Amino acid sequence: MAVGYFFDTYALIEILRKNEKYGKFSETPLITSLLNIGELYYDFLKNGNKHEGMLFCGQLHGNCLNVTLEVIMKAVEFRFSNKSKNLSYIDCIGYVLAKDNGLIFVTGDNAFEGMDNVEFVK
């Protein structure tokens, strides 16, 4: 049975930078959310790559999972139950989306290291 992955913004940036630690995902569909695409586009803008960002983010758009009110509520509950970790809302939404869709949450965010349903790559 194939394993599916949800990529947070950190992971997407590392994949774009061709970080060899993320090489195992080179043939994997880049599933994420529109919120993560927004964060990724910001990174492109910050680095002066608006055009490249528009193109790449446009390609990713078709691989986005839908953020519903139910997902947001679960994510807020998850964030609240892990408040000592200071997790971002977008990361919590991504984590819930991954879990609800049978995907593994891929991140290099230290706050997620060792958590259930997370592939931590740093």
N, C-alpha and C. Protein backbone atom coordinates (compact mmCIF):
# COMPACT_ATOMS: atom_id res chain seq x y z
N MET A 1 0.85 -1.20 0.00
CA MET A 1 0.00 0.00 0.00
C MET A 1 0.89 1.26 0.00
N ALA A 2 0.62 2.15 -0.91
CA ALA A 2 1.40 3.38 -1.03
C ALA A 2 1.05 4.34 0.10
N VAL A 3 2.06 5.05 0.55
CA VAL A 3 1.88 6.04 1.60
C VAL A 3 1.76 7.41 0.94
N GLY A 4 0.80 8.20 1.40
CA GLY A 4 0.64 9.55 0.89
C GLY A 4 1.15 10.57 1.89
N TYR A 5 1.50 11.74 1.39
CA TYR A 5 2.09 12.77 2.23
C TYR A 5 1.40 14.12 2.03
N PHE A 6 1.35 14.88 3.11
CA PHE A 6 0.92 16.27 3.08
C PHE A 6 2.17 17.09 3.43
N PHE A 7 2.50 18.06 2.60
CA PHE A 7 3.71 18.85 2.80
C PHE A 7 3.38 20.23 3.37
N ASP A 8 3.98 20.54 4.52
CA ASP A 8 3.80 21.89 5.05
C ASP A 8 4.72 22.83 4.29
N THR A 9 4.66 24.10 4.59
CA THR A 9 5.42 25.10 3.85
C THR A 9 6.92 24.88 3.98
N TYR A 10 7.36 24.55 5.19
CA TYR A 10 8.78 24.28 5.42
C TYR A 10 9.25 23.20 4.45
N ALA A 11 8.51 22.09 4.38
CA ALA A 11 8.89 20.98 3.51
C ALA A 11 8.89 21.41 2.04
N LEU A 12 7.88 22.16 1.62
CA LEU A 12 7.82 22.62 0.23
C LEU A 12 9.03 23.48 -0.12
N ILE A 13 9.43 24.36 0.78
CA ILE A 13 10.59 25.22 0.54
C ILE A 13 11.85 24.38 0.41
N GLU A 14 12.01 23.39 1.29
CA GLU A 14 13.19 22.54 1.24
C GLU A 14 13.22 21.69 -0.04
N ILE A 15 12.07 21.25 -0.49
CA ILE A 15 11.99 20.50 -1.74
C ILE A 15 12.41 21.40 -2.91
N LEU A 16 11.91 22.62 -2.93
CA LEU A 16 12.28 23.57 -3.99
C LEU A 16 13.78 23.90 -3.97
N ARG A 17 14.35 23.92 -2.78
CA ARG A 17 15.79 24.19 -2.64
C ARG A 17 16.63 22.95 -2.94
N LYS A 18 15.95 21.86 -3.27
CA LYS A 18 16.60 20.59 -3.59
C LYS A 18 17.44 20.07 -2.43
N ASN A 19 16.94 20.26 -1.22
CA ASN A 19 17.58 19.71 -0.03
C ASN A 19 17.60 18.18 -0.18
N GLU A 20 18.77 17.59 -0.17
CA GLU A 20 18.91 16.15 -0.40
C GLU A 20 18.14 15.31 0.62
N LYS A 21 17.88 15.85 1.80
CA LYS A 21 17.12 15.10 2.80
C LYS A 21 15.66 14.92 2.38
N TYR A 22 15.21 15.73 1.44
CA TYR A 22 13.85 15.63 0.92
C TYR A 22 13.81 14.91 -0.43
N GLY A 23 14.94 14.37 -0.86
CA GLY A 23 15.04 13.69 -2.14
C GLY A 23 14.10 12.51 -2.28
N LYS A 24 13.81 11.84 -1.18
CA LYS A 24 12.92 10.67 -1.24
C LYS A 24 11.51 11.03 -1.71
N PHE A 25 11.17 12.33 -1.68
CA PHE A 25 9.85 12.79 -2.10
C PHE A 25 9.82 13.29 -3.54
N SER A 26 10.91 13.10 -4.28
CA SER A 26 11.02 13.69 -5.63
C SER A 26 9.95 13.20 -6.60
N GLU A 27 9.44 12.01 -6.39
CA GLU A 27 8.40 11.48 -7.29
C GLU A 27 7.02 11.47 -6.62
N THR A 28 6.91 12.14 -5.50
CA THR A 28 5.68 12.14 -4.71
C THR A 28 4.82 13.36 -5.06
N PRO A 29 3.52 13.17 -5.25
CA PRO A 29 2.65 14.34 -5.47
C PRO A 29 2.74 15.31 -4.28
N LEU A 30 2.88 16.59 -4.57
CA LEU A 30 3.01 17.60 -3.51
C LEU A 30 1.62 18.05 -3.06
N ILE A 31 1.06 17.34 -2.12
CA ILE A 31 -0.26 17.66 -1.58
C ILE A 31 -0.10 18.63 -0.42
N THR A 32 -0.90 19.68 -0.43
CA THR A 32 -0.82 20.73 0.58
C THR A 32 -2.17 21.44 0.68
N SER A 33 -2.19 22.65 1.21
CA SER A 33 -3.42 23.45 1.28
C SER A 33 -3.18 24.82 0.65
N LEU A 34 -4.26 25.53 0.38
CA LEU A 34 -4.12 26.90 -0.14
C LEU A 34 -3.41 27.81 0.85
N LEU A 35 -3.60 27.56 2.12
CA LEU A 35 -2.92 28.37 3.14
C LEU A 35 -1.42 28.19 3.04
N ASN A 36 -0.97 26.96 2.83
CA ASN A 36 0.46 26.70 2.67
C ASN A 36 0.98 27.33 1.38
N ILE A 37 0.17 27.32 0.34
CA ILE A 37 0.58 27.98 -0.90
C ILE A 37 0.77 29.47 -0.65
N GLY A 38 -0.10 30.07 0.15
CA GLY A 38 0.05 31.48 0.50
C GLY A 38 1.38 31.74 1.20
N GLU A 39 1.72 30.90 2.17
CA GLU A 39 3.01 31.05 2.87
C GLU A 39 4.18 30.85 1.90
N LEU A 40 4.05 29.88 1.02
CA LEU A 40 5.11 29.61 0.05
C LEU A 40 5.28 30.79 -0.90
N TYR A 41 4.18 31.37 -1.37
CA TYR A 41 4.25 32.52 -2.26
C TYR A 41 4.94 33.70 -1.57
N TYR A 42 4.67 33.87 -0.28
CA TYR A 42 5.34 34.91 0.49
C TYR A 42 6.85 34.70 0.46
N ASP A 43 7.28 33.45 0.60
CA ASP A 43 8.71 33.15 0.56
C ASP A 43 9.30 33.51 -0.80
N PHE A 44 8.57 33.20 -1.88
CA PHE A 44 9.02 33.59 -3.22
C PHE A 44 9.16 35.11 -3.31
N LEU A 45 8.15 35.84 -2.82
CA LEU A 45 8.20 37.30 -2.87
C LEU A 45 9.37 37.85 -2.07
N LYS A 46 9.58 37.29 -0.89
CA LYS A 46 10.66 37.71 -0.01
C LYS A 46 12.02 37.56 -0.70
N ASN A 47 12.12 36.56 -1.55
CA ASN A 47 13.38 36.29 -2.26
C ASN A 47 13.42 36.88 -3.67
N GLY A 48 12.45 37.75 -3.98
CA GLY A 48 12.46 38.45 -5.26
C GLY A 48 12.10 37.59 -6.45
N ASN A 49 11.32 36.53 -6.21
CA ASN A 49 10.97 35.59 -7.28
C ASN A 49 9.47 35.54 -7.53
N LYS A 50 8.86 36.69 -7.69
CA LYS A 50 7.40 36.75 -7.85
C LYS A 50 6.91 35.89 -9.02
N HIS A 51 7.52 36.05 -10.18
CA HIS A 51 7.05 35.31 -11.37
C HIS A 51 7.18 33.80 -11.17
N GLU A 52 8.33 33.36 -10.68
CA GLU A 52 8.54 31.93 -10.42
C GLU A 52 7.53 31.43 -9.37
N GLY A 53 7.27 32.27 -8.37
CA GLY A 53 6.30 31.91 -7.34
C GLY A 53 4.90 31.75 -7.90
N MET A 54 4.51 32.67 -8.77
CA MET A 54 3.18 32.59 -9.38
C MET A 54 3.04 31.30 -10.18
N LEU A 55 4.08 30.95 -10.92
CA LEU A 55 4.04 29.74 -11.74
C LEU A 55 3.97 28.48 -10.87
N PHE A 56 4.87 28.37 -9.90
CA PHE A 56 4.92 27.17 -9.08
C PHE A 56 3.66 27.03 -8.23
N CYS A 57 3.24 28.12 -7.62
CA CYS A 57 2.04 28.06 -6.78
C CYS A 57 0.81 27.74 -7.62
N GLY A 58 0.77 28.24 -8.85
CA GLY A 58 -0.33 27.91 -9.75
C GLY A 58 -0.36 26.42 -10.07
N GLN A 59 0.81 25.82 -10.22
CA GLN A 59 0.87 24.38 -10.48
C GLN A 59 0.42 23.58 -9.26
N LEU A 60 0.75 24.04 -8.08
CA LEU A 60 0.38 23.34 -6.84
C LEU A 60 -1.11 23.42 -6.54
N HIS A 61 -1.76 24.42 -7.06
CA HIS A 61 -3.16 24.68 -6.74
C HIS A 61 -4.05 23.45 -6.89
N GLY A 62 -3.79 22.64 -7.89
CA GLY A 62 -4.59 21.45 -8.13
C GLY A 62 -4.39 20.34 -7.11
N ASN A 63 -3.36 20.47 -6.27
CA ASN A 63 -3.05 19.46 -5.27
C ASN A 63 -3.44 19.90 -3.85
N CYS A 64 -4.36 20.82 -3.76
CA CYS A 64 -4.74 21.37 -2.45
C CYS A 64 -5.95 20.64 -1.87
N LEU A 65 -5.85 20.36 -0.59
CA LEU A 65 -6.99 19.80 0.14
C LEU A 65 -7.85 20.95 0.64
N ASN A 66 -9.13 20.71 0.72
CA ASN A 66 -10.10 21.73 1.09
C ASN A 66 -10.10 21.97 2.60
N VAL A 67 -10.02 23.23 2.98
CA VAL A 67 -10.10 23.61 4.40
C VAL A 67 -11.55 23.97 4.71
N THR A 68 -12.16 23.14 5.54
CA THR A 68 -13.56 23.34 5.92
C THR A 68 -13.64 23.90 7.34
N LEU A 69 -14.83 24.31 7.72
CA LEU A 69 -15.03 24.77 9.10
C LEU A 69 -14.69 23.65 10.09
N GLU A 70 -15.07 22.43 9.75
CA GLU A 70 -14.76 21.29 10.63
C GLU A 70 -13.25 21.13 10.81
N VAL A 71 -12.50 21.27 9.74
CA VAL A 71 -11.04 21.17 9.81
C VAL A 71 -10.48 22.29 10.68
N ILE A 72 -10.99 23.50 10.49
CA ILE A 72 -10.51 24.63 11.29
C ILE A 72 -10.79 24.41 12.77
N MET A 73 -11.97 23.93 13.10
CA MET A 73 -12.30 23.69 14.50
C MET A 73 -11.39 22.62 15.11
N LYS A 74 -11.16 21.54 14.37
CA LYS A 74 -10.26 20.48 14.85
C LYS A 74 -8.84 21.02 15.03
N ALA A 75 -8.41 21.86 14.09
CA ALA A 75 -7.06 22.42 14.14
C ALA A 75 -6.89 23.33 15.34
N VAL A 76 -7.91 24.12 15.64
CA VAL A 76 -7.84 25.01 16.80
C VAL A 76 -7.79 24.18 18.08
N GLU A 77 -8.58 23.11 18.14
CA GLU A 77 -8.53 22.22 19.30
C GLU A 77 -7.16 21.57 19.44
N PHE A 78 -6.59 21.14 18.31
CA PHE A 78 -5.25 20.55 18.32
C PHE A 78 -4.23 21.57 18.81
N ARG A 79 -4.31 22.79 18.31
CA ARG A 79 -3.38 23.85 18.73
C ARG A 79 -3.53 24.12 20.22
N PHE A 80 -4.78 24.18 20.68
CA PHE A 80 -5.03 24.44 22.10
C PHE A 80 -4.45 23.32 22.97
N SER A 81 -4.63 22.08 22.55
CA SER A 81 -4.13 20.96 23.35
C SER A 81 -2.61 20.85 23.30
N ASN A 82 -1.98 21.57 22.38
CA ASN A 82 -0.52 21.59 22.27
C ASN A 82 0.03 23.01 22.43
N LYS A 83 -0.65 23.81 23.25
CA LYS A 83 -0.31 25.23 23.33
C LYS A 83 1.12 25.49 23.81
N SER A 84 1.70 24.56 24.53
CA SER A 84 3.08 24.76 24.99
C SER A 84 4.08 24.70 23.83
N LYS A 85 3.68 24.17 22.70
CA LYS A 85 4.57 24.05 21.53
C LYS A 85 4.53 25.28 20.62
N ASN A 86 3.58 26.19 20.86
CA ASN A 86 3.47 27.42 20.06
C ASN A 86 3.38 27.14 18.56
N LEU A 87 2.47 26.25 18.18
CA LEU A 87 2.27 25.88 16.79
C LEU A 87 1.48 26.96 16.05
N SER A 88 1.78 27.13 14.77
CA SER A 88 1.03 28.11 13.98
C SER A 88 -0.33 27.52 13.58
N TYR A 89 -1.29 28.39 13.33
CA TYR A 89 -2.60 27.94 12.89
C TYR A 89 -2.50 27.17 11.57
N ILE A 90 -1.71 27.69 10.64
CA ILE A 90 -1.60 27.03 9.34
C ILE A 90 -1.00 25.63 9.49
N ASP A 91 0.00 25.48 10.34
CA ASP A 91 0.57 24.16 10.56
C ASP A 91 -0.45 23.22 11.20
N CYS A 92 -1.23 23.72 12.13
CA CYS A 92 -2.26 22.89 12.77
C CYS A 92 -3.33 22.47 11.77
N ILE A 93 -3.71 23.37 10.90
CA ILE A 93 -4.68 23.04 9.86
C ILE A 93 -4.09 21.98 8.94
N GLY A 94 -2.85 22.13 8.54
CA GLY A 94 -2.20 21.14 7.69
C GLY A 94 -2.11 19.78 8.36
N TYR A 95 -1.78 19.78 9.64
CA TYR A 95 -1.67 18.52 10.39
C TYR A 95 -3.02 17.79 10.41
N VAL A 96 -4.08 18.54 10.68
CA VAL A 96 -5.42 17.95 10.72
C VAL A 96 -5.84 17.47 9.32
N LEU A 97 -5.57 18.27 8.30
CA LEU A 97 -5.88 17.86 6.93
C LEU A 97 -5.17 16.55 6.58
N ALA A 98 -3.91 16.46 6.94
CA ALA A 98 -3.15 15.25 6.67
C ALA A 98 -3.79 14.05 7.36
N LYS A 99 -4.03 14.19 8.63
CA LYS A 99 -4.58 13.07 9.42
C LYS A 99 -5.96 12.67 8.91
N ASP A 100 -6.82 13.64 8.64
CA ASP A 100 -8.18 13.35 8.18
C ASP A 100 -8.21 12.70 6.80
N ASN A 101 -7.15 12.90 6.02
CA ASN A 101 -7.10 12.35 4.67
C ASN A 101 -6.15 11.16 4.54
N GLY A 102 -5.74 10.62 5.67
CA GLY A 102 -4.89 9.43 5.66
C GLY A 102 -3.49 9.68 5.12
N LEU A 103 -3.01 10.91 5.29
CA LEU A 103 -1.68 11.29 4.80
C LEU A 103 -0.74 11.54 5.98
N ILE A 104 0.53 11.40 5.74
CA ILE A 104 1.54 11.71 6.75
C ILE A 104 1.95 13.17 6.58
N PHE A 105 2.00 13.89 7.67
CA PHE A 105 2.37 15.31 7.69
C PHE A 105 3.89 15.41 7.63
N VAL A 106 4.42 16.03 6.57
CA VAL A 106 5.86 16.17 6.39
C VAL A 106 6.27 17.59 6.75
N THR A 107 7.24 17.70 7.66
CA THR A 107 7.69 19.00 8.12
C THR A 107 9.10 18.92 8.67
N GLY A 108 9.72 20.06 8.78
CA GLY A 108 11.01 20.19 9.47
C GLY A 108 10.86 21.09 10.67
N ASP A 109 9.62 21.42 11.02
CA ASP A 109 9.31 22.27 12.17
C ASP A 109 9.59 21.48 13.45
N ASN A 110 10.53 21.96 14.25
CA ASN A 110 10.95 21.26 15.47
C ASN A 110 9.79 20.95 16.41
N ALA A 111 8.76 21.76 16.42
CA ALA A 111 7.64 21.55 17.34
C ALA A 111 6.89 20.25 17.04
N PHE A 112 7.02 19.74 15.83
CA PHE A 112 6.30 18.53 15.44
C PHE A 112 7.16 17.26 15.59
N GLU A 113 8.42 17.43 15.91
CA GLU A 113 9.31 16.27 16.02
C GLU A 113 8.78 15.28 17.06
N GLY A 114 8.67 14.03 16.66
CA GLY A 114 8.22 12.97 17.57
C GLY A 114 6.72 12.83 17.71
N MET A 115 5.96 13.68 17.03
CA MET A 115 4.50 13.60 17.13
C MET A 115 3.97 12.50 16.23
N ASP A 116 2.80 11.99 16.60
CA ASP A 116 2.11 10.97 15.83
C ASP A 116 1.76 11.49 14.44
N ASN A 117 1.89 10.64 13.43
CA ASN A 117 1.50 10.96 12.05
C ASN A 117 2.36 12.05 11.41
N VAL A 118 3.61 12.17 11.85
CA VAL A 118 4.53 13.18 11.33
C VAL A 118 5.80 12.52 10.81
N GLU A 119 6.22 12.92 9.63
CA GLU A 119 7.55 12.56 9.16
C GLU A 119 8.38 13.83 9.28
N PHE A 120 9.26 13.83 10.27
CA PHE A 120 10.10 14.97 10.56
C PHE A 120 11.39 14.84 9.76
N VAL A 121 11.66 15.86 8.92
CA VAL A 121 12.86 15.86 8.08
C VAL A 121 13.55 17.19 8.26
N LYS A 122 14.76 17.16 8.78
CA LYS A 122 15.51 18.40 9.01
C LYS A 122 16.91 18.25 8.47
